[in-house]
Amino acid sequence: MESHIVKILETKNVTHDVKCFRIEKPEGYTFIPGQATDVSIHQAGLETELRPFTFTALNEKPYLEFTIKRYPEHKGITDHLHNLRVGEEIIIHDVWGAINYKGPGYFIAGGAGITPFISILRDLYHSGKIDGNELYFSNKTSEDIIYESELKEMLGNNAHFILTRDEKPGYTHSRLNKEFLRRNIKDFKKHFYICGPDAMVKEISDLLREEGASEEGLVFEK
């Protein structure tokens, strides 16, 4: 398995529990927007603790980027990652992932499940091809929304933010269930890009199939 030891170039907070990491990009290392790699920390005892993270920068950037949510209740790798400083090292491996852009459609994300879509939407926006796509992004509260202002800039009125816990003006208070999809999806023949907790992905995929979405039109990590 290919591996590269790379230094952290920059970190910045995105939300209260999400941090962006920009790291060195090995020569010749490329990915398709939406793809991921397995990451570990270059420290004794942590080098074999692999976790999957999606690239969020554009492929042509001179650095790689991950946008990582911290799960303090797990007391695990995301805690260690969030404590790393500029100049410390991580290990990245081969590129993998089945989530890539196949044509205009609906992006449906729950929480940190937005990350595979960030590089796809950034790529579409910078190449002038984002028209015809809509985003439905579900979070518990507005403070949990990753890159909200950028998503609004890229998608305009086609960026829809759903809150399951809070009720606030400008946001939809709902669950991503069958009733919500029937009210909001206008064309079940388009592509559907789905990412989030496993239970959410299964529930949404099953609902979309019931409403006539084709198997080829459903794009998610299987």
N, C-alpha and C. Protein backbone atom coordinates (compact mmCIF):
# COMPACT_ATOMS: atom_id res chain seq x y z
N MET A 1 0.85 -1.20 0.00
CA MET A 1 0.00 0.00 0.00
C MET A 1 0.88 1.25 0.00
N GLU A 2 0.61 2.14 -0.92
CA GLU A 2 1.35 3.40 -1.02
C GLU A 2 1.15 4.23 0.25
N SER A 3 2.22 4.88 0.72
CA SER A 3 2.08 5.78 1.86
C SER A 3 3.05 6.95 1.73
N HIS A 4 2.66 8.08 2.29
CA HIS A 4 3.48 9.29 2.26
C HIS A 4 3.42 9.96 3.63
N ILE A 5 4.57 10.32 4.16
CA ILE A 5 4.63 11.10 5.39
C ILE A 5 4.65 12.57 4.99
N VAL A 6 3.66 13.33 5.44
CA VAL A 6 3.52 14.73 5.03
C VAL A 6 3.33 15.63 6.24
N LYS A 7 3.81 16.87 6.11
CA LYS A 7 3.69 17.82 7.21
C LYS A 7 2.41 18.64 7.11
N ILE A 8 1.91 19.04 8.26
CA ILE A 8 0.78 19.96 8.31
C ILE A 8 1.28 21.38 8.04
N LEU A 9 0.68 22.03 7.05
CA LEU A 9 1.08 23.38 6.66
C LEU A 9 0.26 24.47 7.35
N GLU A 10 -1.00 24.16 7.62
CA GLU A 10 -1.91 25.17 8.16
C GLU A 10 -3.13 24.48 8.77
N THR A 11 -3.66 25.03 9.84
CA THR A 11 -4.94 24.56 10.38
C THR A 11 -5.81 25.76 10.67
N LYS A 12 -7.12 25.58 10.56
CA LYS A 12 -8.04 26.66 10.95
C LYS A 12 -9.36 26.04 11.38
N ASN A 13 -10.02 26.67 12.34
CA ASN A 13 -11.30 26.20 12.81
C ASN A 13 -12.39 26.56 11.82
N VAL A 14 -13.26 25.61 11.53
CA VAL A 14 -14.38 25.81 10.61
C VAL A 14 -15.68 25.99 11.40
N THR A 15 -15.90 25.12 12.39
CA THR A 15 -17.00 25.26 13.35
C THR A 15 -16.43 24.97 14.73
N HIS A 16 -17.30 24.88 15.72
CA HIS A 16 -16.85 24.61 17.08
C HIS A 16 -16.19 23.26 17.24
N ASP A 17 -16.45 22.30 16.32
CA ASP A 17 -15.85 20.98 16.44
C ASP A 17 -15.32 20.44 15.11
N VAL A 18 -15.11 21.33 14.14
CA VAL A 18 -14.58 20.94 12.83
C VAL A 18 -13.37 21.82 12.53
N LYS A 19 -12.30 21.17 12.05
CA LYS A 19 -11.07 21.90 11.74
C LYS A 19 -10.61 21.53 10.33
N CYS A 20 -10.07 22.51 9.63
CA CYS A 20 -9.50 22.31 8.29
C CYS A 20 -7.99 22.15 8.43
N PHE A 21 -7.45 21.11 7.78
CA PHE A 21 -6.02 20.84 7.78
C PHE A 21 -5.51 20.94 6.34
N ARG A 22 -4.53 21.79 6.11
CA ARG A 22 -3.84 21.81 4.82
C ARG A 22 -2.47 21.18 5.01
N ILE A 23 -2.14 20.24 4.14
CA ILE A 23 -0.92 19.45 4.30
C ILE A 23 -0.12 19.44 3.00
N GLU A 24 1.12 19.00 3.12
CA GLU A 24 1.96 18.88 1.94
C GLU A 24 1.33 17.91 0.93
N LYS A 25 1.56 18.21 -0.35
CA LYS A 25 1.04 17.34 -1.41
C LYS A 25 2.21 16.63 -2.08
N PRO A 26 2.28 15.30 -1.96
CA PRO A 26 3.38 14.58 -2.61
C PRO A 26 3.37 14.78 -4.12
N GLU A 27 4.52 14.78 -4.71
CA GLU A 27 4.63 14.96 -6.16
C GLU A 27 3.88 13.85 -6.88
N GLY A 28 3.03 14.25 -7.84
CA GLY A 28 2.27 13.29 -8.63
C GLY A 28 1.03 12.73 -7.96
N TYR A 29 0.71 13.20 -6.77
CA TYR A 29 -0.44 12.68 -6.01
C TYR A 29 -1.70 13.41 -6.48
N THR A 30 -2.66 12.68 -7.00
CA THR A 30 -3.88 13.28 -7.53
C THR A 30 -5.10 12.51 -7.04
N PHE A 31 -6.26 13.15 -7.15
CA PHE A 31 -7.51 12.51 -6.75
C PHE A 31 -8.63 13.07 -7.61
N ILE A 32 -9.74 12.35 -7.66
CA ILE A 32 -10.96 12.84 -8.29
C ILE A 32 -11.80 13.48 -7.20
N PRO A 33 -12.38 14.68 -7.43
CA PRO A 33 -13.21 15.30 -6.40
C PRO A 33 -14.25 14.33 -5.85
N GLY A 34 -14.30 14.21 -4.51
CA GLY A 34 -15.19 13.27 -3.85
C GLY A 34 -14.46 12.08 -3.27
N GLN A 35 -13.20 11.87 -3.70
CA GLN A 35 -12.45 10.71 -3.22
C GLN A 35 -11.78 11.00 -1.87
N ALA A 36 -11.24 9.93 -1.28
CA ALA A 36 -10.69 9.99 0.07
C ALA A 36 -9.38 9.20 0.14
N THR A 37 -8.76 9.24 1.30
CA THR A 37 -7.62 8.38 1.59
C THR A 37 -7.66 7.99 3.06
N ASP A 38 -6.88 6.99 3.43
CA ASP A 38 -6.76 6.61 4.83
C ASP A 38 -5.61 7.40 5.45
N VAL A 39 -5.85 7.93 6.63
CA VAL A 39 -4.90 8.82 7.31
C VAL A 39 -4.54 8.24 8.67
N SER A 40 -3.26 8.35 9.01
CA SER A 40 -2.82 8.03 10.38
C SER A 40 -1.84 9.12 10.82
N ILE A 41 -1.50 9.11 12.09
CA ILE A 41 -0.63 10.13 12.67
C ILE A 41 0.78 9.56 12.80
N HIS A 42 1.77 10.34 12.37
CA HIS A 42 3.16 9.87 12.38
C HIS A 42 3.75 10.03 13.79
N GLN A 43 3.23 9.21 14.68
CA GLN A 43 3.70 9.17 16.06
C GLN A 43 3.67 7.72 16.53
N ALA A 44 4.59 7.37 17.40
CA ALA A 44 4.66 5.99 17.91
C ALA A 44 3.32 5.59 18.53
N GLY A 45 2.83 4.43 18.10
CA GLY A 45 1.58 3.91 18.62
C GLY A 45 0.35 4.34 17.84
N LEU A 46 0.50 5.32 16.93
CA LEU A 46 -0.64 5.83 16.16
C LEU A 46 -0.49 5.61 14.66
N GLU A 47 0.67 5.15 14.23
CA GLU A 47 0.94 5.04 12.79
C GLU A 47 0.07 4.02 12.08
N THR A 48 -0.43 3.04 12.79
CA THR A 48 -1.27 2.01 12.15
C THR A 48 -2.77 2.24 12.41
N GLU A 49 -3.11 3.32 13.10
CA GLU A 49 -4.51 3.64 13.39
C GLU A 49 -5.07 4.45 12.22
N LEU A 50 -5.56 3.76 11.20
CA LEU A 50 -6.01 4.43 9.97
C LEU A 50 -7.46 4.86 10.08
N ARG A 51 -7.75 6.07 9.58
CA ARG A 51 -9.11 6.58 9.50
C ARG A 51 -9.32 7.21 8.12
N PRO A 52 -10.51 7.04 7.51
CA PRO A 52 -10.76 7.61 6.18
C PRO A 52 -11.18 9.07 6.26
N PHE A 53 -10.57 9.90 5.41
CA PHE A 53 -10.97 11.30 5.29
C PHE A 53 -10.96 11.72 3.83
N THR A 54 -11.92 12.56 3.49
CA THR A 54 -12.10 13.01 2.11
C THR A 54 -11.28 14.27 1.84
N PHE A 55 -10.72 14.36 0.65
CA PHE A 55 -10.03 15.58 0.24
C PHE A 55 -11.07 16.68 0.00
N THR A 56 -10.80 17.88 0.49
CA THR A 56 -11.77 18.96 0.30
C THR A 56 -11.25 20.12 -0.55
N ALA A 57 -9.96 20.17 -0.84
CA ALA A 57 -9.44 21.23 -1.71
C ALA A 57 -9.60 20.83 -3.17
N LEU A 58 -9.42 21.79 -4.05
CA LEU A 58 -9.38 21.48 -5.48
C LEU A 58 -8.12 20.69 -5.79
N ASN A 59 -8.21 19.79 -6.75
CA ASN A 59 -7.09 18.93 -7.09
C ASN A 59 -5.88 19.73 -7.58
N GLU A 60 -6.12 20.88 -8.22
CA GLU A 60 -4.99 21.64 -8.76
C GLU A 60 -4.25 22.48 -7.73
N LYS A 61 -4.74 22.53 -6.50
CA LYS A 61 -4.05 23.27 -5.46
C LYS A 61 -2.70 22.61 -5.14
N PRO A 62 -1.71 23.40 -4.68
CA PRO A 62 -0.39 22.82 -4.37
C PRO A 62 -0.34 22.11 -3.02
N TYR A 63 -1.47 22.02 -2.35
CA TYR A 63 -1.56 21.33 -1.06
C TYR A 63 -2.76 20.40 -1.08
N LEU A 64 -2.83 19.48 -0.12
CA LEU A 64 -4.02 18.68 0.12
C LEU A 64 -4.74 19.25 1.33
N GLU A 65 -6.03 18.97 1.42
CA GLU A 65 -6.82 19.53 2.52
C GLU A 65 -7.82 18.49 3.01
N PHE A 66 -7.96 18.42 4.32
CA PHE A 66 -9.01 17.62 4.95
C PHE A 66 -9.82 18.53 5.87
N THR A 67 -11.11 18.29 5.95
CA THR A 67 -11.99 19.02 6.86
C THR A 67 -12.56 17.98 7.82
N ILE A 68 -12.10 18.02 9.08
CA ILE A 68 -12.29 16.89 9.99
C ILE A 68 -13.09 17.31 11.23
N LYS A 69 -14.13 16.54 11.50
CA LYS A 69 -14.93 16.77 12.71
C LYS A 69 -14.32 16.01 13.88
N ARG A 70 -14.32 16.66 15.03
CA ARG A 70 -13.81 16.04 16.26
C ARG A 70 -14.94 15.35 16.99
N TYR A 71 -14.69 14.13 17.45
CA TYR A 71 -15.67 13.38 18.23
C TYR A 71 -15.07 13.12 19.61
N PRO A 72 -15.13 14.10 20.51
CA PRO A 72 -14.46 13.96 21.81
C PRO A 72 -14.96 12.79 22.64
N GLU A 73 -16.23 12.40 22.44
CA GLU A 73 -16.77 11.29 23.23
C GLU A 73 -16.08 9.96 22.88
N HIS A 74 -15.46 9.89 21.68
CA HIS A 74 -14.77 8.67 21.29
C HIS A 74 -13.38 8.57 21.91
N LYS A 75 -12.84 9.74 22.32
CA LYS A 75 -11.48 9.79 22.89
C LYS A 75 -10.49 9.05 21.97
N GLY A 76 -10.58 9.36 20.67
CA GLY A 76 -9.80 8.62 19.68
C GLY A 76 -8.97 9.49 18.76
N ILE A 77 -8.90 9.04 17.49
CA ILE A 77 -7.99 9.65 16.53
C ILE A 77 -8.36 11.10 16.21
N THR A 78 -9.65 11.41 16.14
CA THR A 78 -9.99 12.81 15.81
C THR A 78 -9.53 13.76 16.92
N ASP A 79 -9.54 13.30 18.16
CA ASP A 79 -8.99 14.10 19.25
C ASP A 79 -7.50 14.37 19.02
N HIS A 80 -6.76 13.31 18.69
CA HIS A 80 -5.33 13.46 18.43
C HIS A 80 -5.07 14.39 17.25
N LEU A 81 -5.85 14.23 16.18
CA LEU A 81 -5.67 15.08 15.00
C LEU A 81 -5.91 16.55 15.34
N HIS A 82 -6.96 16.84 16.07
CA HIS A 82 -7.28 18.23 16.40
C HIS A 82 -6.23 18.86 17.31
N ASN A 83 -5.43 18.05 17.97
CA ASN A 83 -4.38 18.58 18.84
C ASN A 83 -3.04 18.76 18.12
N LEU A 84 -2.95 18.29 16.86
CA LEU A 84 -1.70 18.46 16.10
C LEU A 84 -1.49 19.92 15.73
N ARG A 85 -0.21 20.28 15.61
CA ARG A 85 0.15 21.66 15.28
C ARG A 85 0.85 21.70 13.92
N VAL A 86 0.94 22.89 13.36
CA VAL A 86 1.67 23.09 12.11
C VAL A 86 3.10 22.55 12.26
N GLY A 87 3.54 21.80 11.25
CA GLY A 87 4.88 21.21 11.28
C GLY A 87 4.89 19.76 11.70
N GLU A 88 3.85 19.31 12.42
CA GLU A 88 3.77 17.90 12.77
C GLU A 88 3.31 17.09 11.56
N GLU A 89 3.45 15.77 11.64
CA GLU A 89 3.28 14.94 10.46
C GLU A 89 2.15 13.93 10.58
N ILE A 90 1.51 13.68 9.44
CA ILE A 90 0.55 12.59 9.31
C ILE A 90 0.98 11.70 8.16
N ILE A 91 0.33 10.56 8.03
CA ILE A 91 0.63 9.62 6.95
C ILE A 91 -0.62 9.45 6.10
N ILE A 92 -0.48 9.64 4.80
CA ILE A 92 -1.60 9.41 3.88
C ILE A 92 -1.29 8.22 2.99
N HIS A 93 -2.33 7.61 2.46
CA HIS A 93 -2.17 6.37 1.70
C HIS A 93 -2.81 6.50 0.31
N ASP A 94 -3.18 5.35 -0.27
CA ASP A 94 -3.76 5.35 -1.61
C ASP A 94 -5.09 6.11 -1.64
N VAL A 95 -5.40 6.64 -2.79
CA VAL A 95 -6.67 7.33 -3.02
C VAL A 95 -7.74 6.28 -3.33
N TRP A 96 -8.95 6.47 -2.77
CA TRP A 96 -10.06 5.56 -3.05
C TRP A 96 -11.37 6.33 -2.92
N GLY A 97 -12.47 5.69 -3.30
CA GLY A 97 -13.78 6.29 -3.11
C GLY A 97 -14.65 6.21 -4.35
N ALA A 98 -15.94 5.93 -4.11
CA ALA A 98 -16.90 5.77 -5.22
C ALA A 98 -17.76 7.01 -5.43
N ILE A 99 -17.62 8.02 -4.57
CA ILE A 99 -18.45 9.22 -4.73
C ILE A 99 -17.74 10.18 -5.67
N ASN A 100 -18.22 10.26 -6.88
CA ASN A 100 -17.71 11.26 -7.83
C ASN A 100 -18.84 11.74 -8.71
N TYR A 101 -18.64 12.88 -9.33
CA TYR A 101 -19.72 13.57 -10.04
C TYR A 101 -20.05 12.87 -11.35
N LYS A 102 -21.35 12.62 -11.56
CA LYS A 102 -21.81 11.95 -12.77
C LYS A 102 -22.78 12.79 -13.58
N GLY A 103 -23.17 13.95 -13.04
CA GLY A 103 -24.11 14.81 -13.73
C GLY A 103 -24.97 15.56 -12.75
N PRO A 104 -25.72 16.56 -13.22
CA PRO A 104 -26.53 17.39 -12.32
C PRO A 104 -27.50 16.57 -11.49
N GLY A 105 -27.68 17.01 -10.25
CA GLY A 105 -28.60 16.28 -9.38
C GLY A 105 -28.71 16.91 -8.01
N TYR A 106 -29.08 16.08 -7.06
CA TYR A 106 -29.33 16.51 -5.69
C TYR A 106 -28.24 15.95 -4.78
N PHE A 107 -27.62 16.83 -4.02
CA PHE A 107 -26.64 16.42 -3.01
C PHE A 107 -27.34 16.42 -1.66
N ILE A 108 -27.35 15.27 -0.99
CA ILE A 108 -28.05 15.12 0.29
C ILE A 108 -27.01 14.70 1.33
N ALA A 109 -26.79 15.57 2.32
CA ALA A 109 -25.72 15.34 3.28
C ALA A 109 -26.22 15.50 4.71
N GLY A 110 -25.65 14.68 5.60
CA GLY A 110 -25.92 14.81 7.03
C GLY A 110 -24.63 15.07 7.77
N GLY A 111 -24.53 16.22 8.45
CA GLY A 111 -23.36 16.54 9.27
C GLY A 111 -22.06 16.51 8.49
N ALA A 112 -21.06 15.78 9.05
CA ALA A 112 -19.75 15.70 8.40
C ALA A 112 -19.81 14.95 7.07
N GLY A 113 -20.96 14.38 6.73
CA GLY A 113 -21.14 13.74 5.43
C GLY A 113 -21.07 14.72 4.27
N ILE A 114 -21.00 16.01 4.55
CA ILE A 114 -20.83 17.00 3.49
C ILE A 114 -19.45 16.93 2.86
N THR A 115 -18.46 16.35 3.57
CA THR A 115 -17.08 16.50 3.12
C THR A 115 -16.79 15.95 1.71
N PRO A 116 -17.34 14.81 1.28
CA PRO A 116 -17.06 14.39 -0.09
C PRO A 116 -17.61 15.35 -1.14
N PHE A 117 -18.63 16.12 -0.75
CA PHE A 117 -19.27 17.02 -1.71
C PHE A 117 -18.54 18.36 -1.82
N ILE A 118 -17.70 18.69 -0.84
CA ILE A 118 -17.07 20.01 -0.84
C ILE A 118 -16.16 20.18 -2.06
N SER A 119 -15.27 19.19 -2.30
CA SER A 119 -14.38 19.34 -3.45
C SER A 119 -15.14 19.22 -4.77
N ILE A 120 -16.21 18.40 -4.79
CA ILE A 120 -17.02 18.30 -6.01
C ILE A 120 -17.67 19.64 -6.32
N LEU A 121 -18.31 20.24 -5.32
CA LEU A 121 -19.01 21.52 -5.55
C LEU A 121 -18.02 22.64 -5.84
N ARG A 122 -16.88 22.65 -5.16
CA ARG A 122 -15.86 23.66 -5.46
C ARG A 122 -15.37 23.53 -6.89
N ASP A 123 -15.16 22.28 -7.33
CA ASP A 123 -14.69 22.05 -8.70
C ASP A 123 -15.73 22.50 -9.72
N LEU A 124 -17.00 22.16 -9.48
CA LEU A 124 -18.07 22.57 -10.39
C LEU A 124 -18.19 24.09 -10.43
N TYR A 125 -18.10 24.73 -9.26
CA TYR A 125 -18.23 26.18 -9.19
C TYR A 125 -17.09 26.89 -9.93
N HIS A 126 -15.87 26.43 -9.71
CA HIS A 126 -14.72 27.09 -10.34
C HIS A 126 -14.63 26.80 -11.84
N SER A 127 -15.28 25.73 -12.29
CA SER A 127 -15.30 25.45 -13.73
C SER A 127 -16.58 25.94 -14.40
N GLY A 128 -17.44 26.63 -13.65
CA GLY A 128 -18.67 27.19 -14.21
C GLY A 128 -19.72 26.16 -14.56
N LYS A 129 -19.74 25.02 -13.84
CA LYS A 129 -20.66 23.93 -14.19
C LYS A 129 -21.59 23.54 -13.04
N ILE A 130 -21.78 24.45 -12.09
CA ILE A 130 -22.55 24.08 -10.90
C ILE A 130 -24.06 24.19 -11.10
N ASP A 131 -24.49 24.89 -12.15
CA ASP A 131 -25.93 25.04 -12.40
C ASP A 131 -26.59 23.67 -12.56
N GLY A 132 -27.82 23.57 -12.05
CA GLY A 132 -28.57 22.33 -12.16
C GLY A 132 -28.40 21.40 -10.97
N ASN A 133 -27.61 21.84 -9.98
CA ASN A 133 -27.40 21.04 -8.78
C ASN A 133 -28.05 21.71 -7.56
N GLU A 134 -28.56 20.89 -6.66
CA GLU A 134 -29.14 21.40 -5.41
C GLU A 134 -28.55 20.64 -4.24
N LEU A 135 -28.43 21.32 -3.09
CA LEU A 135 -27.91 20.72 -1.88
C LEU A 135 -28.96 20.75 -0.78
N TYR A 136 -29.16 19.62 -0.13
CA TYR A 136 -29.97 19.52 1.08
C TYR A 136 -29.04 19.02 2.19
N PHE A 137 -28.74 19.92 3.13
CA PHE A 137 -27.70 19.67 4.13
C PHE A 137 -28.33 19.72 5.52
N SER A 138 -28.35 18.58 6.19
CA SER A 138 -29.01 18.45 7.49
C SER A 138 -27.99 18.48 8.63
N ASN A 139 -28.29 19.29 9.65
CA ASN A 139 -27.47 19.37 10.87
C ASN A 139 -28.38 19.51 12.07
N LYS A 140 -27.83 19.28 13.27
CA LYS A 140 -28.62 19.47 14.48
C LYS A 140 -28.93 20.94 14.71
N THR A 141 -27.89 21.80 14.64
CA THR A 141 -28.06 23.23 14.88
C THR A 141 -27.33 24.02 13.80
N SER A 142 -27.61 25.31 13.71
CA SER A 142 -26.94 26.14 12.70
C SER A 142 -25.44 26.26 12.98
N GLU A 143 -25.03 26.13 14.26
CA GLU A 143 -23.61 26.20 14.61
C GLU A 143 -22.83 25.00 14.09
N ASP A 144 -23.54 23.94 13.70
CA ASP A 144 -22.88 22.73 13.20
C ASP A 144 -22.62 22.76 11.70
N ILE A 145 -23.13 23.76 11.00
CA ILE A 145 -23.07 23.75 9.53
C ILE A 145 -21.64 24.07 9.06
N ILE A 146 -21.08 23.18 8.29
CA ILE A 146 -19.72 23.31 7.76
C ILE A 146 -19.76 24.14 6.47
N TYR A 147 -18.93 25.20 6.41
CA TYR A 147 -18.78 26.04 5.22
C TYR A 147 -20.11 26.60 4.72
N GLU A 148 -20.95 27.03 5.63
CA GLU A 148 -22.27 27.52 5.24
C GLU A 148 -22.19 28.68 4.26
N SER A 149 -21.38 29.69 4.55
CA SER A 149 -21.34 30.88 3.68
C SER A 149 -20.80 30.53 2.30
N GLU A 150 -19.81 29.65 2.24
CA GLU A 150 -19.26 29.26 0.93
C GLU A 150 -20.28 28.46 0.12
N LEU A 151 -21.00 27.58 0.78
CA LEU A 151 -22.02 26.80 0.07
C LEU A 151 -23.12 27.71 -0.47
N LYS A 152 -23.48 28.73 0.32
CA LYS A 152 -24.47 29.71 -0.16
C LYS A 152 -23.94 30.48 -1.36
N GLU A 153 -22.66 30.85 -1.30
CA GLU A 153 -22.06 31.59 -2.41
C GLU A 153 -22.05 30.75 -3.68
N MET A 154 -21.73 29.48 -3.55
CA MET A 154 -21.62 28.62 -4.74
C MET A 154 -22.98 28.25 -5.31
N LEU A 155 -23.93 27.96 -4.45
CA LEU A 155 -25.21 27.40 -4.90
C LEU A 155 -26.38 28.37 -4.84
N GLY A 156 -26.20 29.50 -4.15
CA GLY A 156 -27.30 30.46 -4.05
C GLY A 156 -28.53 29.85 -3.41
N ASN A 157 -29.67 30.07 -4.03
CA ASN A 157 -30.94 29.54 -3.50
C ASN A 157 -31.06 28.03 -3.60
N ASN A 158 -30.11 27.39 -4.26
CA ASN A 158 -30.13 25.93 -4.35
C ASN A 158 -29.40 25.25 -3.20
N ALA A 159 -28.96 26.04 -2.21
CA ALA A 159 -28.39 25.48 -0.98
C ALA A 159 -29.46 25.55 0.10
N HIS A 160 -29.90 24.40 0.58
CA HIS A 160 -30.97 24.31 1.57
C HIS A 160 -30.40 23.71 2.85
N PHE A 161 -30.61 24.41 3.97
CA PHE A 161 -30.05 23.98 5.24
C PHE A 161 -31.18 23.55 6.18
N ILE A 162 -31.10 22.31 6.63
CA ILE A 162 -32.16 21.71 7.45
C ILE A 162 -31.62 21.50 8.86
N LEU A 163 -32.37 21.92 9.86
CA LEU A 163 -31.98 21.73 11.26
C LEU A 163 -32.94 20.76 11.92
N THR A 164 -32.40 19.76 12.60
CA THR A 164 -33.24 18.76 13.27
C THR A 164 -33.54 19.14 14.71
N ARG A 165 -32.71 19.99 15.31
CA ARG A 165 -32.89 20.33 16.72
C ARG A 165 -33.40 21.76 16.91
N ASP A 166 -32.86 22.70 16.16
CA ASP A 166 -33.21 24.12 16.34
C ASP A 166 -34.29 24.55 15.36
N GLU A 167 -35.02 25.58 15.74
CA GLU A 167 -35.93 26.28 14.83
C GLU A 167 -35.46 27.72 14.74
N LYS A 168 -34.97 28.11 13.55
CA LYS A 168 -34.44 29.46 13.36
C LYS A 168 -34.90 30.00 12.02
N PRO A 169 -35.16 31.31 11.93
CA PRO A 169 -35.53 31.91 10.64
C PRO A 169 -34.44 31.67 9.59
N GLY A 170 -34.87 31.34 8.39
CA GLY A 170 -33.93 31.12 7.30
C GLY A 170 -33.50 29.67 7.15
N TYR A 171 -33.92 28.82 8.08
CA TYR A 171 -33.57 27.40 8.03
C TYR A 171 -34.86 26.57 8.09
N THR A 172 -34.79 25.37 7.54
CA THR A 172 -35.93 24.46 7.60
C THR A 172 -35.78 23.54 8.80
N HIS A 173 -36.81 23.46 9.62
CA HIS A 173 -36.79 22.54 10.77
C HIS A 173 -37.53 21.27 10.35
N SER A 174 -36.77 20.18 10.18
CA SER A 174 -37.38 18.95 9.66
C SER A 174 -36.40 17.80 9.78
N ARG A 175 -36.88 16.62 9.49
CA ARG A 175 -36.03 15.46 9.26
C ARG A 175 -36.00 15.18 7.77
N LEU A 176 -34.92 14.57 7.32
CA LEU A 176 -34.84 14.15 5.92
C LEU A 176 -35.58 12.82 5.77
N ASN A 177 -36.90 12.91 5.70
CA ASN A 177 -37.70 11.70 5.61
C ASN A 177 -38.49 11.68 4.29
N LYS A 178 -39.36 10.70 4.16
CA LYS A 178 -40.11 10.53 2.91
C LYS A 178 -40.96 11.76 2.60
N GLU A 179 -41.62 12.31 3.61
CA GLU A 179 -42.48 13.48 3.38
C GLU A 179 -41.66 14.67 2.90
N PHE A 180 -40.50 14.87 3.51
CA PHE A 180 -39.64 15.99 3.12
C PHE A 180 -39.19 15.83 1.66
N LEU A 181 -38.75 14.63 1.30
CA LEU A 181 -38.28 14.40 -0.06
C LEU A 181 -39.40 14.60 -1.07
N ARG A 182 -40.58 14.09 -0.77
CA ARG A 182 -41.70 14.26 -1.70
C ARG A 182 -42.06 15.72 -1.90
N ARG A 183 -41.93 16.52 -0.84
CA ARG A 183 -42.25 17.95 -0.94
C ARG A 183 -41.21 18.71 -1.75
N ASN A 184 -39.96 18.28 -1.70
CA ASN A 184 -38.88 19.12 -2.20
C ASN A 184 -38.19 18.62 -3.47
N ILE A 185 -38.20 17.32 -3.71
CA ILE A 185 -37.54 16.79 -4.90
C ILE A 185 -38.50 16.86 -6.08
N LYS A 186 -38.06 17.54 -7.13
CA LYS A 186 -38.93 17.73 -8.29
C LYS A 186 -38.69 16.70 -9.38
N ASP A 187 -37.53 16.09 -9.41
CA ASP A 187 -37.21 15.16 -10.49
C ASP A 187 -36.44 13.96 -9.93
N PHE A 188 -37.12 12.85 -9.75
CA PHE A 188 -36.48 11.67 -9.19
C PHE A 188 -35.67 10.90 -10.22
N LYS A 189 -35.58 11.42 -11.44
CA LYS A 189 -34.76 10.77 -12.47
C LYS A 189 -33.35 11.34 -12.52
N LYS A 190 -33.08 12.38 -11.74
CA LYS A 190 -31.74 12.97 -11.72
C LYS A 190 -30.83 12.14 -10.82
N HIS A 191 -29.56 12.54 -10.76
CA HIS A 191 -28.62 11.87 -9.88
C HIS A 191 -28.84 12.31 -8.43
N PHE A 192 -28.58 11.39 -7.51
CA PHE A 192 -28.65 11.69 -6.08
C PHE A 192 -27.32 11.30 -5.45
N TYR A 193 -26.67 12.27 -4.82
CA TYR A 193 -25.40 12.06 -4.14
C TYR A 193 -25.70 12.09 -2.64
N ILE A 194 -25.41 11.01 -1.94
CA ILE A 194 -25.85 10.87 -0.55
C ILE A 194 -24.66 10.53 0.32
N CYS A 195 -24.49 11.25 1.42
CA CYS A 195 -23.43 10.93 2.36
C CYS A 195 -23.80 11.40 3.76
N GLY A 196 -23.52 10.57 4.74
CA GLY A 196 -23.82 10.87 6.13
C GLY A 196 -23.70 9.59 6.93
N PRO A 197 -24.28 9.54 8.12
CA PRO A 197 -24.28 8.30 8.90
C PRO A 197 -24.88 7.14 8.10
N ASP A 198 -24.36 5.94 8.32
CA ASP A 198 -24.79 4.77 7.54
C ASP A 198 -26.31 4.59 7.55
N ALA A 199 -26.93 4.77 8.71
CA ALA A 199 -28.38 4.58 8.80
C ALA A 199 -29.12 5.60 7.94
N MET A 200 -28.62 6.83 7.91
CA MET A 200 -29.24 7.87 7.09
C MET A 200 -29.11 7.55 5.61
N VAL A 201 -27.92 7.12 5.20
CA VAL A 201 -27.69 6.80 3.78
C VAL A 201 -28.62 5.67 3.34
N LYS A 202 -28.77 4.64 4.16
CA LYS A 202 -29.65 3.53 3.81
C LYS A 202 -31.10 3.99 3.73
N GLU A 203 -31.54 4.76 4.73
CA GLU A 203 -32.93 5.22 4.74
C GLU A 203 -33.24 6.09 3.53
N ILE A 204 -32.36 7.05 3.24
CA ILE A 204 -32.59 7.96 2.10
C ILE A 204 -32.55 7.17 0.79
N SER A 205 -31.59 6.29 0.64
CA SER A 205 -31.47 5.50 -0.61
C SER A 205 -32.72 4.67 -0.83
N ASP A 206 -33.21 4.02 0.23
CA ASP A 206 -34.42 3.19 0.10
C ASP A 206 -35.63 4.05 -0.28
N LEU A 207 -35.74 5.22 0.35
CA LEU A 207 -36.86 6.12 0.04
C LEU A 207 -36.82 6.58 -1.40
N LEU A 208 -35.61 6.92 -1.87
CA LEU A 208 -35.48 7.39 -3.25
C LEU A 208 -35.83 6.28 -4.25
N ARG A 209 -35.41 5.07 -3.94
CA ARG A 209 -35.79 3.94 -4.82
C ARG A 209 -37.30 3.80 -4.89
N GLU A 210 -37.96 3.93 -3.73
CA GLU A 210 -39.42 3.83 -3.71
C GLU A 210 -40.07 4.90 -4.58
N GLU A 211 -39.43 6.06 -4.66
CA GLU A 211 -40.01 7.17 -5.42
C GLU A 211 -39.60 7.14 -6.89
N GLY A 212 -38.84 6.13 -7.31
CA GLY A 212 -38.54 5.97 -8.72
C GLY A 212 -37.11 6.28 -9.14
N ALA A 213 -36.25 6.61 -8.18
CA ALA A 213 -34.85 6.85 -8.54
C ALA A 213 -34.22 5.55 -9.02
N SER A 214 -33.37 5.66 -10.02
CA SER A 214 -32.72 4.46 -10.56
C SER A 214 -31.49 4.11 -9.73
N GLU A 215 -31.09 2.83 -9.79
CA GLU A 215 -29.91 2.39 -9.06
C GLU A 215 -28.67 3.11 -9.57
N GLU A 216 -28.61 3.35 -10.88
CA GLU A 216 -27.47 4.05 -11.46
C GLU A 216 -27.42 5.51 -11.03
N GLY A 217 -28.56 6.05 -10.64
CA GLY A 217 -28.62 7.46 -10.26
C GLY A 217 -28.26 7.71 -8.81
N LEU A 218 -28.12 6.64 -8.02
CA LEU A 218 -27.78 6.78 -6.61
C LEU A 218 -26.27 6.65 -6.43
N VAL A 219 -25.65 7.71 -5.92
CA VAL A 219 -24.19 7.73 -5.77
C VAL A 219 -23.88 7.85 -4.28
N PHE A 220 -23.30 6.82 -3.70
CA PHE A 220 -22.89 6.84 -2.30
C PHE A 220 -21.80 5.81 -2.09
N GLU A 221 -21.11 5.91 -0.95
CA GLU A 221 -20.02 4.98 -0.67
C GLU A 221 -20.60 3.65 -0.23
N LYS A 222 -20.39 2.61 -1.04
CA LYS A 222 -20.99 1.31 -0.75
C LYS A 222 -20.01 0.43 0.04
